[in-house]
Amino acid sequence: MCVGQLAPTDAYHIATAAFYGMDVLLTWNCRHMANEFTLPKTYGVLRDAGLKCPVIITPKRYMEDASHSSCAFMPMV
């Protein structure tokens, strides 16, 4: 199931970040956005739509890995 089907408001935030070309989308929402199950699907949908995929990550993880070089869910652009 995609984020949009479960949480339309969360999907709107992701779509807005992608549309405006943001590099990173910080969120505490690990239920629908920043988790290992939804991220691959989310990144796939954005790529299929021709949009740049922002890194969707929690603020804590962002601060732990400021370089983002080891981010397991970083989209392949």
N, C-alpha and C. Protein backbone atom coordinates (compact mmCIF):
# COMPACT_ATOMS: atom_id res chain seq x y z
N MET A 1 0.82 -1.18 0.00
CA MET A 1 0.00 0.00 0.00
C MET A 1 0.87 1.25 0.00
N CYS A 2 0.48 2.24 -0.75
CA CYS A 2 1.25 3.49 -0.84
C CYS A 2 0.82 4.46 0.25
N VAL A 3 1.69 5.43 0.51
CA VAL A 3 1.41 6.45 1.53
C VAL A 3 0.10 7.17 1.25
N GLY A 4 -0.14 7.52 -0.01
CA GLY A 4 -1.34 8.26 -0.37
C GLY A 4 -2.63 7.55 -0.01
N GLN A 5 -2.62 6.23 -0.05
CA GLN A 5 -3.81 5.47 0.29
C GLN A 5 -4.03 5.43 1.80
N LEU A 6 -2.93 5.46 2.55
CA LEU A 6 -3.02 5.38 4.01
C LEU A 6 -3.14 6.75 4.67
N ALA A 7 -2.43 7.71 4.14
CA ALA A 7 -2.34 9.02 4.78
C ALA A 7 -2.20 10.12 3.72
N PRO A 8 -3.31 10.61 3.20
CA PRO A 8 -3.26 11.61 2.13
C PRO A 8 -2.49 12.88 2.48
N THR A 9 -2.56 13.32 3.73
CA THR A 9 -1.83 14.53 4.13
C THR A 9 -0.32 14.29 4.07
N ASP A 10 0.12 13.12 4.49
CA ASP A 10 1.55 12.79 4.41
C ASP A 10 2.00 12.72 2.96
N ALA A 11 1.17 12.15 2.11
CA ALA A 11 1.49 12.07 0.68
C ALA A 11 1.60 13.48 0.08
N TYR A 12 0.74 14.37 0.52
CA TYR A 12 0.79 15.76 0.06
C TYR A 12 2.13 16.41 0.44
N HIS A 13 2.60 16.18 1.65
CA HIS A 13 3.89 16.75 2.08
C HIS A 13 5.02 16.21 1.23
N ILE A 14 5.02 14.92 0.97
CA ILE A 14 6.07 14.31 0.15
C ILE A 14 6.01 14.85 -1.27
N ALA A 15 4.81 14.91 -1.83
CA ALA A 15 4.65 15.41 -3.20
C ALA A 15 5.09 16.87 -3.32
N THR A 16 4.77 17.68 -2.33
CA THR A 16 5.18 19.09 -2.36
C THR A 16 6.70 19.21 -2.29
N ALA A 17 7.33 18.44 -1.43
CA ALA A 17 8.79 18.47 -1.32
C ALA A 17 9.43 18.05 -2.64
N ALA A 18 8.89 17.01 -3.27
CA ALA A 18 9.43 16.53 -4.54
C ALA A 18 9.20 17.56 -5.66
N PHE A 19 8.01 18.11 -5.72
CA PHE A 19 7.67 19.07 -6.77
C PHE A 19 8.57 20.29 -6.73
N TYR A 20 8.87 20.77 -5.53
CA TYR A 20 9.70 21.96 -5.39
C TYR A 20 11.19 21.64 -5.32
N GLY A 21 11.56 20.39 -5.52
CA GLY A 21 12.96 20.01 -5.62
C GLY A 21 13.74 20.08 -4.32
N MET A 22 13.07 19.86 -3.20
CA MET A 22 13.79 19.88 -1.92
C MET A 22 14.75 18.70 -1.85
N ASP A 23 15.89 18.92 -1.24
CA ASP A 23 16.88 17.85 -1.09
C ASP A 23 16.52 16.89 0.03
N VAL A 24 15.97 17.43 1.11
CA VAL A 24 15.69 16.64 2.30
C VAL A 24 14.30 16.99 2.83
N LEU A 25 13.58 15.97 3.30
CA LEU A 25 12.31 16.18 3.99
C LEU A 25 12.46 15.55 5.37
N LEU A 26 12.55 16.41 6.39
CA LEU A 26 12.68 15.93 7.77
C LEU A 26 11.30 15.65 8.34
N THR A 27 11.15 14.51 8.98
CA THR A 27 9.86 14.15 9.57
C THR A 27 10.05 13.22 10.76
N TRP A 28 9.16 13.37 11.72
CA TRP A 28 9.12 12.42 12.84
C TRP A 28 8.13 11.31 12.54
N ASN A 29 7.48 11.37 11.39
CA ASN A 29 6.44 10.41 11.03
C ASN A 29 7.08 9.13 10.47
N CYS A 30 7.33 8.18 11.35
CA CYS A 30 7.92 6.90 10.93
C CYS A 30 6.83 5.89 10.58
N ARG A 31 5.61 6.20 10.86
CA ARG A 31 4.53 5.27 10.53
C ARG A 31 4.24 5.27 9.03
N HIS A 32 4.15 6.44 8.42
CA HIS A 32 3.79 6.50 7.00
C HIS A 32 4.91 7.01 6.10
N MET A 33 5.88 7.70 6.65
CA MET A 33 6.84 8.37 5.77
C MET A 33 8.26 7.82 5.87
N ALA A 34 8.88 7.93 7.01
CA ALA A 34 10.30 7.59 7.15
C ALA A 34 10.47 6.18 7.70
N ASN A 35 10.07 5.19 6.93
CA ASN A 35 10.29 3.81 7.37
C ASN A 35 10.70 2.93 6.20
N GLU A 36 11.31 1.83 6.51
CA GLU A 36 11.92 0.96 5.50
C GLU A 36 10.91 0.30 4.57
N PHE A 37 9.64 0.28 4.92
CA PHE A 37 8.64 -0.36 4.08
C PHE A 37 8.02 0.60 3.07
N THR A 38 7.75 1.83 3.49
CA THR A 38 7.11 2.78 2.58
C THR A 38 8.09 3.54 1.70
N LEU A 39 9.31 3.76 2.17
CA LEU A 39 10.26 4.57 1.40
C LEU A 39 10.57 4.02 0.01
N PRO A 40 10.87 2.74 -0.16
CA PRO A 40 11.14 2.26 -1.51
C PRO A 40 9.96 2.48 -2.47
N LYS A 41 8.74 2.28 -1.98
CA LYS A 41 7.56 2.52 -2.82
C LYS A 41 7.41 4.00 -3.13
N THR A 42 7.62 4.83 -2.12
CA THR A 42 7.51 6.27 -2.31
C THR A 42 8.53 6.77 -3.33
N TYR A 43 9.79 6.34 -3.17
CA TYR A 43 10.82 6.76 -4.11
C TYR A 43 10.52 6.26 -5.53
N GLY A 44 9.97 5.06 -5.64
CA GLY A 44 9.61 4.52 -6.95
C GLY A 44 8.53 5.35 -7.63
N VAL A 45 7.51 5.71 -6.87
CA VAL A 45 6.42 6.53 -7.42
C VAL A 45 6.95 7.88 -7.89
N LEU A 46 7.81 8.50 -7.09
CA LEU A 46 8.36 9.81 -7.46
C LEU A 46 9.23 9.70 -8.71
N ARG A 47 10.08 8.68 -8.77
CA ARG A 47 10.93 8.48 -9.96
C ARG A 47 10.07 8.25 -11.20
N ASP A 48 9.04 7.42 -11.07
CA ASP A 48 8.16 7.14 -12.21
C ASP A 48 7.46 8.40 -12.70
N ALA A 49 7.22 9.34 -11.78
CA ALA A 49 6.58 10.61 -12.15
C ALA A 49 7.59 11.62 -12.67
N GLY A 50 8.87 11.25 -12.68
CA GLY A 50 9.90 12.17 -13.16
C GLY A 50 10.29 13.24 -12.17
N LEU A 51 10.03 13.01 -10.89
CA LEU A 51 10.35 14.00 -9.87
C LEU A 51 11.62 13.62 -9.13
N LYS A 52 12.34 14.64 -8.68
CA LYS A 52 13.52 14.42 -7.85
C LYS A 52 13.06 13.91 -6.49
N CYS A 53 13.71 12.89 -5.99
CA CYS A 53 13.32 12.30 -4.71
C CYS A 53 14.07 12.97 -3.57
N PRO A 54 13.36 13.63 -2.65
CA PRO A 54 14.06 14.16 -1.48
C PRO A 54 14.42 13.02 -0.54
N VAL A 55 15.48 13.17 0.20
CA VAL A 55 15.80 12.20 1.24
C VAL A 55 14.78 12.40 2.34
N ILE A 56 14.02 11.37 2.66
CA ILE A 56 13.01 11.44 3.72
C ILE A 56 13.62 10.77 4.94
N ILE A 57 13.83 11.56 5.97
CA ILE A 57 14.63 11.10 7.11
C ILE A 57 14.18 11.79 8.39
N THR A 58 14.39 11.13 9.52
CA THR A 58 14.04 11.77 10.79
C THR A 58 15.12 12.80 11.15
N PRO A 59 14.75 13.83 11.91
CA PRO A 59 15.76 14.81 12.32
C PRO A 59 16.91 14.16 13.10
N LYS A 60 16.60 13.17 13.92
CA LYS A 60 17.65 12.49 14.69
C LYS A 60 18.66 11.81 13.77
N ARG A 61 18.15 11.08 12.80
CA ARG A 61 19.05 10.39 11.87
C ARG A 61 19.83 11.41 11.02
N TYR A 62 19.17 12.48 10.65
CA TYR A 62 19.83 13.52 9.87
C TYR A 62 21.03 14.10 10.64
N MET A 63 20.83 14.35 11.92
CA MET A 63 21.92 14.91 12.72
C MET A 63 23.02 13.88 12.96
N GLU A 64 22.66 12.60 13.06
CA GLU A 64 23.65 11.56 13.27
C GLU A 64 24.52 11.36 12.04
N ASP A 65 23.96 11.60 10.87
CA ASP A 65 24.68 11.36 9.62
C ASP A 65 24.57 12.60 8.73
N ALA A 66 25.24 13.64 9.11
CA ALA A 66 25.13 14.91 8.39
C ALA A 66 25.57 14.79 6.93
N SER A 67 26.43 13.85 6.62
CA SER A 67 26.89 13.69 5.24
C SER A 67 25.89 12.91 4.39
N HIS A 68 25.02 12.14 5.00
CA HIS A 68 24.02 11.30 4.33
C HIS A 68 24.65 10.22 3.46
N SER A 69 25.94 10.01 3.61
CA SER A 69 26.60 9.03 2.75
C SER A 69 26.23 7.60 3.10
N SER A 70 25.80 7.36 4.32
CA SER A 70 25.45 5.99 4.69
C SER A 70 23.95 5.82 4.90
N CYS A 71 23.16 6.74 4.41
CA CYS A 71 21.71 6.66 4.57
C CYS A 71 21.18 5.47 3.77
N ALA A 72 20.65 4.47 4.44
CA ALA A 72 20.21 3.25 3.79
C ALA A 72 19.02 3.48 2.85
N PHE A 73 18.25 4.54 3.07
CA PHE A 73 17.06 4.75 2.28
C PHE A 73 17.19 5.94 1.33
N MET A 74 18.40 6.36 1.07
CA MET A 74 18.61 7.47 0.17
C MET A 74 18.27 7.04 -1.25
N PRO A 75 17.49 7.83 -1.96
CA PRO A 75 17.08 7.42 -3.30
C PRO A 75 18.26 7.42 -4.27
N MET A 76 18.21 6.52 -5.20
CA MET A 76 19.23 6.46 -6.23
C MET A 76 18.77 7.35 -7.38
N VAL A 77 19.40 8.49 -7.55
CA VAL A 77 18.98 9.46 -8.58
C VAL A 77 19.95 9.41 -9.73
